[in-house]
Amino acid sequence: LGWQVAIDFTATAPERGRLAVTLRDRDGNALTGAKVTAHFVRPTSAGSDSTVPLRETGSGRYEAELHLALPGQWDVVLTAAHDGASYQKTQRIFVPE
């Protein structure tokens, strides 16, 4: 697809944060109107996984406020769908206590 995807997590409080994702096509143009979700998987233990939809905030940027069950490492499995195409990317984040 040639999509350019940037995932940014910012901690805002213990076990809380903001996830921001920027989507661009192969030419660097903003991908608007996509359906974007983030699935949070705890790599060290099972049972705390969650899925969060991201809302579009403009210019190919999608965001969600998060409250995760536990501090520590999480794998974010991002899924984006746009015009019949889909994309998936995984990135590890750290959520402070």
PDB file of N, CA and C in Angstrom:
ATOM      1  N   LEU A   1       0.819  -1.209   0.000  1.00  0.00           N
ATOM      2  CA  LEU A   1       0.000   0.000   0.000  1.00  0.00           C
ATOM      3  C   LEU A   1       0.859   1.267   0.000  1.00  0.00           C
ATOM      4  N   GLY A   2       2.042   1.167   0.576  1.00  0.00           N
ATOM      5  CA  GLY A   2       2.909   2.333   0.663  1.00  0.00           C
ATOM      6  C   GLY A   2       2.477   3.354   1.703  1.00  0.00           C
ATOM      7  N   TRP A   3       1.560   2.964   2.594  1.00  0.00           N
ATOM      8  CA  TRP A   3       1.094   3.907   3.616  1.00  0.00           C
ATOM      9  C   TRP A   3       2.221   4.238   4.584  1.00  0.00           C
ATOM     10  N   GLN A   4       2.219   5.461   5.047  1.00  0.00           N
ATOM     11  CA  GLN A   4       3.146   5.921   6.075  1.00  0.00           C
ATOM     12  C   GLN A   4       2.332   6.060   7.363  1.00  0.00           C
ATOM     13  N   VAL A   5       2.701   5.295   8.396  1.00  0.00           N
ATOM     14  CA  VAL A   5       1.927   5.255   9.629  1.00  0.00           C
ATOM     15  C   VAL A   5       2.848   5.560  10.800  1.00  0.00           C
ATOM     16  N   ALA A   6       2.472   6.560  11.585  1.00  0.00           N
ATOM     17  CA  ALA A   6       3.233   6.915  12.785  1.00  0.00           C
ATOM     18  C   ALA A   6       2.329   6.753  13.996  1.00  0.00           C
ATOM     19  N   ILE A   7       2.821   6.023  15.004  1.00  0.00           N
ATOM     20  CA  ILE A   7       2.092   5.802  16.256  1.00  0.00           C
ATOM     21  C   ILE A   7       2.832   6.536  17.354  1.00  0.00           C
ATOM     22  N   ASP A   8       2.086   7.355  18.118  1.00  0.00           N
ATOM     23  CA  ASP A   8       2.695   8.106  19.214  1.00  0.00           C
ATOM     24  C   ASP A   8       1.854   7.928  20.468  1.00  0.00           C
ATOM     25  N   PHE A   9       2.484   7.436  21.546  1.00  0.00           N
ATOM     26  CA  PHE A   9       1.812   7.303  22.832  1.00  0.00           C
ATOM     27  C   PHE A   9       2.424   8.303  23.801  1.00  0.00           C
ATOM     28  N   THR A  10       1.566   9.067  24.484  1.00  0.00           N
ATOM     29  CA  THR A  10       2.003  10.014  25.501  1.00  0.00           C
ATOM     30  C   THR A  10       1.297   9.676  26.808  1.00  0.00           C
ATOM     31  N   ALA A  11       2.082   9.384  27.856  1.00  0.00           N
ATOM     32  CA  ALA A  11       1.502   9.123  29.174  1.00  0.00           C
ATOM     33  C   ALA A  11       0.970  10.439  29.744  1.00  0.00           C
ATOM     34  N   THR A  12      -0.237  10.395  30.314  1.00  0.00           N
ATOM     35  CA  THR A  12      -0.841  11.602  30.889  1.00  0.00           C
ATOM     36  C   THR A  12      -1.057  11.485  32.398  1.00  0.00           C
ATOM     37  N   ALA A  13      -1.040  10.266  32.924  1.00  0.00           N
ATOM     38  CA  ALA A  13      -1.233   9.982  34.353  1.00  0.00           C
ATOM     39  C   ALA A  13      -0.925   8.502  34.539  1.00  0.00           C
ATOM     40  N   PRO A  14      -0.864   8.017  35.776  1.00  0.00           N
ATOM     41  CA  PRO A  14      -0.657   6.583  35.962  1.00  0.00           C
ATOM     42  C   PRO A  14      -1.721   5.764  35.228  1.00  0.00           C
ATOM     43  N   GLU A  15      -1.264   4.815  34.421  1.00  0.00           N
ATOM     44  CA  GLU A  15      -2.116   3.908  33.651  1.00  0.00           C
ATOM     45  C   GLU A  15      -3.017   4.620  32.652  1.00  0.00           C
ATOM     46  N   ARG A  16      -2.694   5.859  32.320  1.00  0.00           N
ATOM     47  CA  ARG A  16      -3.484   6.635  31.355  1.00  0.00           C
ATOM     48  C   ARG A  16      -2.569   7.275  30.324  1.00  0.00           C
ATOM     49  N   GLY A  17      -3.154   7.543  29.166  1.00  0.00           N
ATOM     50  CA  GLY A  17      -2.365   8.190  28.135  1.00  0.00           C
ATOM     51  C   GLY A  17      -3.204   8.554  26.929  1.00  0.00           C
ATOM     52  N   ARG A  18      -2.525   9.072  25.927  1.00  0.00           N
ATOM     53  CA  ARG A  18      -3.167   9.465  24.668  1.00  0.00           C
ATOM     54  C   ARG A  18      -2.414   8.761  23.538  1.00  0.00           C
ATOM     55  N   LEU A  19      -3.172   8.084  22.699  1.00  0.00           N
ATOM     56  CA  LEU A  19      -2.604   7.451  21.523  1.00  0.00           C
ATOM     57  C   LEU A  19      -2.963   8.291  20.321  1.00  0.00           C
ATOM     58  N   ALA A  20      -1.962   8.663  19.549  1.00  0.00           N
ATOM     59  CA  ALA A  20      -2.180   9.441  18.331  1.00  0.00           C
ATOM     60  C   ALA A  20      -1.537   8.700  17.162  1.00  0.00           C
ATOM     61  N   VAL A  21      -2.262   8.600  16.069  1.00  0.00           N
ATOM     62  CA  VAL A  21      -1.788   7.910  14.879  1.00  0.00           C
ATOM     63  C   VAL A  21      -1.950   8.854  13.692  1.00  0.00           C
ATOM     64  N   THR A  22      -0.915   8.931  12.887  1.00  0.00           N
ATOM     65  CA  THR A  22      -0.973   9.727  11.657  1.00  0.00           C
ATOM     66  C   THR A  22      -0.879   8.776  10.474  1.00  0.00           C
ATOM     67  N   LEU A  23      -1.831   8.894   9.551  1.00  0.00           N
ATOM     68  CA  LEU A  23      -1.877   8.061   8.350  1.00  0.00           C
ATOM     69  C   LEU A  23      -1.659   8.917   7.113  1.00  0.00           C
ATOM     70  N   ARG A  24      -0.736   8.458   6.262  1.00  0.00           N
ATOM     71  CA  ARG A  24      -0.467   9.131   4.990  1.00  0.00           C
ATOM     72  C   ARG A  24      -0.385   8.075   3.889  1.00  0.00           C
ATOM     73  N   ASP A  25      -0.755   8.461   2.679  1.00  0.00           N
ATOM     74  CA  ASP A  25      -0.628   7.533   1.561  1.00  0.00           C
ATOM     75  C   ASP A  25       0.818   7.531   1.062  1.00  0.00           C
ATOM     76  N   ARG A  26       1.084   6.785   0.020  1.00  0.00           N
ATOM     77  CA  ARG A  26       2.454   6.656  -0.478  1.00  0.00           C
ATOM     78  C   ARG A  26       3.042   7.986  -0.957  1.00  0.00           C
ATOM     79  N   ASP A  27       2.182   8.958  -1.285  1.00  0.00           N
ATOM     80  CA  ASP A  27       2.654  10.272  -1.738  1.00  0.00           C
ATOM     81  C   ASP A  27       2.731  11.298  -0.614  1.00  0.00           C
ATOM     82  N   GLY A  28       2.415  10.869   0.620  1.00  0.00           N
ATOM     83  CA  GLY A  28       2.478  11.776   1.766  1.00  0.00           C
ATOM     84  C   GLY A  28       1.199  12.541   2.026  1.00  0.00           C
ATOM     85  N   ASN A  29       0.135  12.221   1.290  1.00  0.00           N
ATOM     86  CA  ASN A  29      -1.156  12.888   1.504  1.00  0.00           C
ATOM     87  C   ASN A  29      -1.886  12.256   2.683  1.00  0.00           C
ATOM     88  N   ALA A  30      -2.586  13.081   3.453  1.00  0.00           N
ATOM     89  CA  ALA A  30      -3.340  12.602   4.614  1.00  0.00           C
ATOM     90  C   ALA A  30      -4.417  11.613   4.175  1.00  0.00           C
ATOM     91  N   LEU A  31      -4.533  10.502   4.905  1.00  0.00           N
ATOM     92  CA  LEU A  31      -5.610   9.539   4.683  1.00  0.00           C
ATOM     93  C   LEU A  31      -6.747   9.899   5.638  1.00  0.00           C
ATOM     94  N   THR A  32      -7.796  10.455   5.085  1.00  0.00           N
ATOM     95  CA  THR A  32      -8.945  10.840   5.898  1.00  0.00           C
ATOM     96  C   THR A  32     -10.073   9.833   5.685  1.00  0.00           C
ATOM     97  N   GLY A  33     -10.950   9.756   6.671  1.00  0.00           N
ATOM     98  CA  GLY A  33     -12.101   8.871   6.568  1.00  0.00           C
ATOM     99  C   GLY A  33     -11.781   7.405   6.811  1.00  0.00           C
ATOM    100  N   ALA A  34     -10.654   7.115   7.426  1.00  0.00           N
ATOM    101  CA  ALA A  34     -10.284   5.727   7.717  1.00  0.00           C
ATOM    102  C   ALA A  34     -10.957   5.263   9.012  1.00  0.00           C
ATOM    103  N   LYS A  35     -11.115   3.965   9.136  1.00  0.00           N
ATOM    104  CA  LYS A  35     -11.581   3.370  10.390  1.00  0.00           C
ATOM    105  C   LYS A  35     -10.330   2.824  11.070  1.00  0.00           C
ATOM    106  N   VAL A  36     -10.026   3.347  12.250  1.00  0.00           N
ATOM    107  CA  VAL A  36      -8.782   2.994  12.931  1.00  0.00           C
ATOM    108  C   VAL A  36      -9.107   2.466  14.330  1.00  0.00           C
ATOM    109  N   THR A  37      -8.544   1.313  14.671  1.00  0.00           N
ATOM    110  CA  THR A  37      -8.700   0.751  16.003  1.00  0.00           C
ATOM    111  C   THR A  37      -7.324   0.316  16.523  1.00  0.00           C
ATOM    112  N   ALA A  38      -7.200   0.332  17.829  1.00  0.00           N
ATOM    113  CA  ALA A  38      -5.970  -0.122  18.477  1.00  0.00           C
ATOM    114  C   ALA A  38      -6.334  -1.231  19.457  1.00  0.00           C
ATOM    115  N   HIS A  39      -5.672  -2.357  19.325  1.00  0.00           N
ATOM    116  CA  HIS A  39      -5.873  -3.483  20.227  1.00  0.00           C
ATOM    117  C   HIS A  39      -4.647  -3.544  21.125  1.00  0.00           C
ATOM    118  N   PHE A  40      -4.854  -3.488  22.429  1.00  0.00           N
ATOM    119  CA  PHE A  40      -3.765  -3.482  23.402  1.00  0.00           C
ATOM    120  C   PHE A  40      -3.608  -4.881  23.985  1.00  0.00           C
ATOM    121  N   VAL A  41      -2.406  -5.428  23.836  1.00  0.00           N
ATOM    122  CA  VAL A  41      -2.101  -6.779  24.279  1.00  0.00           C
ATOM    123  C   VAL A  41      -0.948  -6.700  25.272  1.00  0.00           C
ATOM    124  N   ARG A  42      -1.143  -7.312  26.414  1.00  0.00           N
ATOM    125  CA  ARG A  42      -0.103  -7.344  27.441  1.00  0.00           C
ATOM    126  C   ARG A  42       0.822  -8.519  27.115  1.00  0.00           C
ATOM    127  N   PRO A  43       2.102  -8.270  26.734  1.00  0.00           N
ATOM    128  CA  PRO A  43       2.975  -9.368  26.303  1.00  0.00           C
ATOM    129  C   PRO A  43       3.409 -10.298  27.439  1.00  0.00           C
ATOM    130  N   THR A  44       3.291  -9.849  28.687  1.00  0.00           N
ATOM    131  CA  THR A  44       3.775 -10.658  29.801  1.00  0.00           C
ATOM    132  C   THR A  44       2.684 -11.433  30.522  1.00  0.00           C
ATOM    133  N   SER A  45       1.418 -11.112  30.281  1.00  0.00           N
ATOM    134  CA  SER A  45       0.332 -11.838  30.939  1.00  0.00           C
ATOM    135  C   SER A  45      -0.951 -11.673  30.145  1.00  0.00           C
ATOM    136  N   ALA A  46      -1.813 -12.662  30.251  1.00  0.00           N
ATOM    137  CA  ALA A  46      -3.083 -12.649  29.527  1.00  0.00           C
ATOM    138  C   ALA A  46      -4.194 -12.094  30.409  1.00  0.00           C
ATOM    139  N   GLY A  47      -5.299 -11.689  29.771  1.00  0.00           N
ATOM    140  CA  GLY A  47      -6.483 -11.310  30.516  1.00  0.00           C
ATOM    141  C   GLY A  47      -6.754  -9.827  30.631  1.00  0.00           C
ATOM    142  N   SER A  48      -5.859  -8.987  30.155  1.00  0.00           N
ATOM    143  CA  SER A  48      -6.072  -7.538  30.271  1.00  0.00           C
ATOM    144  C   SER A  48      -6.208  -6.846  28.923  1.00  0.00           C
ATOM    145  N   ASP A  49      -6.298  -7.606  27.840  1.00  0.00           N
ATOM    146  CA  ASP A  49      -6.371  -7.024  26.503  1.00  0.00           C
ATOM    147  C   ASP A  49      -7.614  -6.146  26.354  1.00  0.00           C
ATOM    148  N   SER A  50      -7.492  -5.132  25.517  1.00  0.00           N
ATOM    149  CA  SER A  50      -8.641  -4.274  25.231  1.00  0.00           C
ATOM    150  C   SER A  50      -8.498  -3.693  23.831  1.00  0.00           C
ATOM    151  N   THR A  51      -9.622  -3.275  23.265  1.00  0.00           N
ATOM    152  CA  THR A  51      -9.643  -2.663  21.940  1.00  0.00           C
ATOM    153  C   THR A  51     -10.298  -1.297  22.044  1.00  0.00           C
ATOM    154  N   VAL A  52      -9.683  -0.303  21.398  1.00  0.00           N
ATOM    155  CA  VAL A  52     -10.147   1.076  21.475  1.00  0.00           C
ATOM    156  C   VAL A  52     -10.266   1.643  20.061  1.00  0.00           C
ATOM    157  N   PRO A  53     -11.433   2.219  19.706  1.00  0.00           N
ATOM    158  CA  PRO A  53     -11.527   2.911  18.420  1.00  0.00           C
ATOM    159  C   PRO A  53     -10.863   4.291  18.530  1.00  0.00           C
ATOM    160  N   LEU A  54     -10.237   4.737  17.460  1.00  0.00           N
ATOM    161  CA  LEU A  54      -9.639   6.073  17.432  1.00  0.00           C
ATOM    162  C   LEU A  54     -10.547   6.989  16.629  1.00  0.00           C
ATOM    163  N   ARG A  55     -10.637   8.236  17.052  1.00  0.00           N
ATOM    164  CA  ARG A  55     -11.481   9.209  16.333  1.00  0.00           C
ATOM    165  C   ARG A  55     -10.587  10.093  15.477  1.00  0.00           C
ATOM    166  N   GLU A  56     -11.112  10.442  14.335  1.00  0.00           N
ATOM    167  CA  GLU A  56     -10.366  11.310  13.418  1.00  0.00           C
ATOM    168  C   GLU A  56     -10.399  12.744  13.936  1.00  0.00           C
ATOM    169  N   THR A  57      -9.236  13.389  13.994  1.00  0.00           N
ATOM    170  CA  THR A  57      -9.151  14.765  14.471  1.00  0.00           C
ATOM    171  C   THR A  57      -8.725  15.727  13.366  1.00  0.00           C
ATOM    172  N   GLY A  58      -8.484  15.227  12.162  1.00  0.00           N
ATOM    173  CA  GLY A  58      -8.147  16.070  11.022  1.00  0.00           C
ATOM    174  C   GLY A  58      -6.758  15.804  10.480  1.00  0.00           C
ATOM    175  N   SER A  59      -6.572  16.061   9.201  1.00  0.00           N
ATOM    176  CA  SER A  59      -5.283  15.945   8.508  1.00  0.00           C
ATOM    177  C   SER A  59      -4.650  14.564   8.649  1.00  0.00           C
ATOM    178  N   GLY A  60      -5.467  13.512   8.620  1.00  0.00           N
ATOM    179  CA  GLY A  60      -4.948  12.157   8.703  1.00  0.00           C
ATOM    180  C   GLY A  60      -4.527  11.733  10.097  1.00  0.00           C
ATOM    181  N   ARG A  61      -4.963  12.462  11.100  1.00  0.00           N
ATOM    182  CA  ARG A  61      -4.604  12.152  12.496  1.00  0.00           C
ATOM    183  C   ARG A  61      -5.813  11.546  13.207  1.00  0.00           C
ATOM    184  N   TYR A  62      -5.549  10.495  13.989  1.00  0.00           N
ATOM    185  CA  TYR A  62      -6.576   9.765  14.726  1.00  0.00           C
ATOM    186  C   TYR A  62      -6.097   9.631  16.169  1.00  0.00           C
ATOM    187  N   GLU A  63      -7.008   9.817  17.135  1.00  0.00           N
ATOM    188  CA  GLU A  63      -6.596   9.839  18.545  1.00  0.00           C
ATOM    189  C   GLU A  63      -7.586   9.108  19.439  1.00  0.00           C
ATOM    190  N   ALA A  64      -7.076   8.692  20.608  1.00  0.00           N
ATOM    191  CA  ALA A  64      -7.917   8.105  21.653  1.00  0.00           C
ATOM    192  C   ALA A  64      -7.269   8.377  23.000  1.00  0.00           C
ATOM    193  N   GLU A  65      -8.104   8.660  23.994  1.00  0.00           N
ATOM    194  CA  GLU A  65      -7.653   8.755  25.387  1.00  0.00           C
ATOM    195  C   GLU A  65      -7.739   7.343  25.955  1.00  0.00           C
ATOM    196  N   LEU A  66      -6.721   6.933  26.710  1.00  0.00           N
ATOM    197  CA  LEU A  66      -6.642   5.560  27.177  1.00  0.00           C
ATOM    198  C   LEU A  66      -6.614   5.455  28.690  1.00  0.00           C
ATOM    199  N   HIS A  67      -7.206   4.398  29.193  1.00  0.00           N
ATOM    200  CA  HIS A  67      -7.041   3.986  30.586  1.00  0.00           C
ATOM    201  C   HIS A  67      -6.817   2.483  30.538  1.00  0.00           C
ATOM    202  N   LEU A  68      -5.557   2.084  30.696  1.00  0.00           N
ATOM    203  CA  LEU A  68      -5.215   0.675  30.613  1.00  0.00           C
ATOM    204  C   LEU A  68      -5.235   0.045  31.999  1.00  0.00           C
ATOM    205  N   ALA A  69      -5.491  -1.255  32.047  1.00  0.00           N
ATOM    206  CA  ALA A  69      -5.699  -1.955  33.308  1.00  0.00           C
ATOM    207  C   ALA A  69      -4.457  -2.027  34.188  1.00  0.00           C
ATOM    208  N   LEU A  70      -3.280  -2.034  33.566  1.00  0.00           N
ATOM    209  CA  LEU A  70      -2.044  -2.221  34.314  1.00  0.00           C
ATOM    210  C   LEU A  70      -0.930  -1.348  33.739  1.00  0.00           C
ATOM    211  N   PRO A  71       0.031  -0.961  34.561  1.00  0.00           N
ATOM    212  CA  PRO A  71       1.199  -0.276  34.034  1.00  0.00           C
ATOM    213  C   PRO A  71       2.144  -1.294  33.386  1.00  0.00           C
ATOM    214  N   GLY A  72       3.146  -0.799  32.683  1.00  0.00           N
ATOM    215  CA  GLY A  72       4.160  -1.669  32.099  1.00  0.00           C
ATOM    216  C   GLY A  72       4.089  -1.715  30.592  1.00  0.00           C
ATOM    217  N   GLN A  73       4.626  -2.788  30.030  1.00  0.00           N
ATOM    218  CA  GLN A  73       4.706  -2.917  28.579  1.00  0.00           C
ATOM    219  C   GLN A  73       3.408  -3.442  27.986  1.00  0.00           C
ATOM    220  N   TRP A  74       3.052  -2.835  26.848  1.00  0.00           N
ATOM    221  CA  TRP A  74       1.887  -3.246  26.075  1.00  0.00           C
ATOM    222  C   TRP A  74       2.291  -3.257  24.606  1.00  0.00           C
ATOM    223  N   ASP A  75       1.710  -4.186  23.855  1.00  0.00           N
ATOM    224  CA  ASP A  75       1.839  -4.159  22.406  1.00  0.00           C
ATOM    225  C   ASP A  75       0.569  -3.537  21.844  1.00  0.00           C
ATOM    226  N   VAL A  76       0.737  -2.512  21.032  1.00  0.00           N
ATOM    227  CA  VAL A  76      -0.391  -1.874  20.355  1.00  0.00           C
ATOM    228  C   VAL A  76      -0.466  -2.474  18.954  1.00  0.00           C
ATOM    229  N   VAL A  77      -1.572  -3.131  18.659  1.00  0.00           N
ATOM    230  CA  VAL A  77      -1.793  -3.675  17.324  1.00  0.00           C
ATOM    231  C   VAL A  77      -2.793  -2.733  16.650  1.00  0.00           C
ATOM    232  N   LEU A  78      -2.279  -1.904  15.771  1.00  0.00           N
ATOM    233  CA  LEU A  78      -3.098  -0.899  15.101  1.00  0.00           C
ATOM    234  C   LEU A  78      -3.656  -1.478  13.806  1.00  0.00           C
ATOM    235  N   THR A  79      -4.947  -1.268  13.590  1.00  0.00           N
ATOM    236  CA  THR A  79      -5.583  -1.676  12.339  1.00  0.00           C
ATOM    237  C   THR A  79      -6.250  -0.458  11.726  1.00  0.00           C
ATOM    238  N   ALA A  80      -5.957  -0.210  10.451  1.00  0.00           N
ATOM    239  CA  ALA A  80      -6.563   0.909   9.728  1.00  0.00           C
ATOM    240  C   ALA A  80      -7.174   0.380   8.436  1.00  0.00           C
ATOM    241  N   ALA A  81      -8.401   0.812   8.149  1.00  0.00           N
ATOM    242  CA  ALA A  81      -9.091   0.419   6.919  1.00  0.00           C
ATOM    243  C   ALA A  81      -9.515   1.683   6.180  1.00  0.00           C
ATOM    244  N   HIS A  82      -9.251   1.706   4.866  1.00  0.00           N
ATOM    245  CA  HIS A  82      -9.565   2.881   4.051  1.00  0.00           C
ATOM    246  C   HIS A  82      -9.769   2.452   2.606  1.00  0.00           C
ATOM    247  N   ASP A  83     -10.899   2.809   2.025  1.00  0.00           N
ATOM    248  CA  ASP A  83     -11.203   2.508   0.615  1.00  0.00           C
ATOM    249  C   ASP A  83     -10.973   1.048   0.240  1.00  0.00           C
ATOM    250  N   GLY A  84     -11.421   0.131   1.100  1.00  0.00           N
ATOM    251  CA  GLY A  84     -11.317  -1.288   0.799  1.00  0.00           C
ATOM    252  C   GLY A  84      -9.957  -1.905   1.082  1.00  0.00           C
ATOM    253  N   ALA A  85      -8.993  -1.125   1.491  1.00  0.00           N
ATOM    254  CA  ALA A  85      -7.663  -1.638   1.836  1.00  0.00           C
ATOM    255  C   ALA A  85      -7.501  -1.601   3.351  1.00  0.00           C
ATOM    256  N   SER A  86      -6.692  -2.509   3.874  1.00  0.00           N
ATOM    257  CA  SER A  86      -6.446  -2.496   5.316  1.00  0.00           C
ATOM    258  C   SER A  86      -4.952  -2.623   5.585  1.00  0.00           C
ATOM    259  N   TYR A  87      -4.565  -2.140   6.755  1.00  0.00           N
ATOM    260  CA  TYR A  87      -3.167  -2.075   7.156  1.00  0.00           C
ATOM    261  C   TYR A  87      -3.085  -2.421   8.631  1.00  0.00           C
ATOM    262  N   GLN A  88      -2.018  -3.108   9.008  1.00  0.00           N
ATOM    263  CA  GLN A  88      -1.828  -3.430  10.422  1.00  0.00           C
ATOM    264  C   GLN A  88      -0.369  -3.187  10.801  1.00  0.00           C
ATOM    265  N   LYS A  89      -0.174  -2.622  11.985  1.00  0.00           N
ATOM    266  CA  LYS A  89       1.163  -2.350  12.494  1.00  0.00           C
ATOM    267  C   LYS A  89       1.161  -2.608  13.993  1.00  0.00           C
ATOM    268  N   THR A  90       2.249  -3.194  14.498  1.00  0.00           N
ATOM    269  CA  THR A  90       2.384  -3.451  15.932  1.00  0.00           C
ATOM    270  C   THR A  90       3.557  -2.649  16.471  1.00  0.00           C
ATOM    271  N   GLN A  91       3.328  -2.019  17.621  1.00  0.00           N
ATOM    272  CA  GLN A  91       4.383  -1.239  18.276  1.00  0.00           C
ATOM    273  C   GLN A  91       4.267  -1.423  19.786  1.00  0.00           C
ATOM    274  N   ARG A  92       5.389  -1.567  20.457  1.00  0.00           N
ATOM    275  CA  ARG A  92       5.396  -1.724  21.911  1.00  0.00           C
ATOM    276  C   ARG A  92       5.450  -0.332  22.568  1.00  0.00           C
ATOM    277  N   ILE A  93       4.646  -0.177  23.628  1.00  0.00           N
ATOM    278  CA  ILE A  93       4.653   1.075  24.405  1.00  0.00           C
ATOM    279  C   ILE A  93       4.869   0.733  25.876  1.00  0.00           C
ATOM    280  N   PHE A  94       5.231   1.719  26.652  1.00  0.00           N
ATOM    281  CA  PHE A  94       5.380   1.558  28.097  1.00  0.00           C
ATOM    282  C   PHE A  94       4.422   2.504  28.799  1.00  0.00           C
ATOM    283  N   VAL A  95       3.602   1.970  29.682  1.00  0.00           N
ATOM    284  CA  VAL A  95       2.625   2.745  30.436  1.00  0.00           C
ATOM    285  C   VAL A  95       3.133   2.852  31.874  1.00  0.00           C
ATOM    286  N   PRO A  96       3.400   4.080  32.367  1.00  0.00           N
ATOM    287  CA  PRO A  96       3.943   4.221  33.712  1.00  0.00           C
ATOM    288  C   PRO A  96       2.906   3.959  34.803  1.00  0.00           C
ATOM    289  N   GLU A  97       3.430   3.673  36.017  1.00  0.00           N
ATOM    290  CA  GLU A  97       2.556   3.480  37.178  1.00  0.00           C
ATOM    291  C   GLU A  97       2.017   4.805  37.663  1.00  0.00           C
TER     292      GLU A  97
END
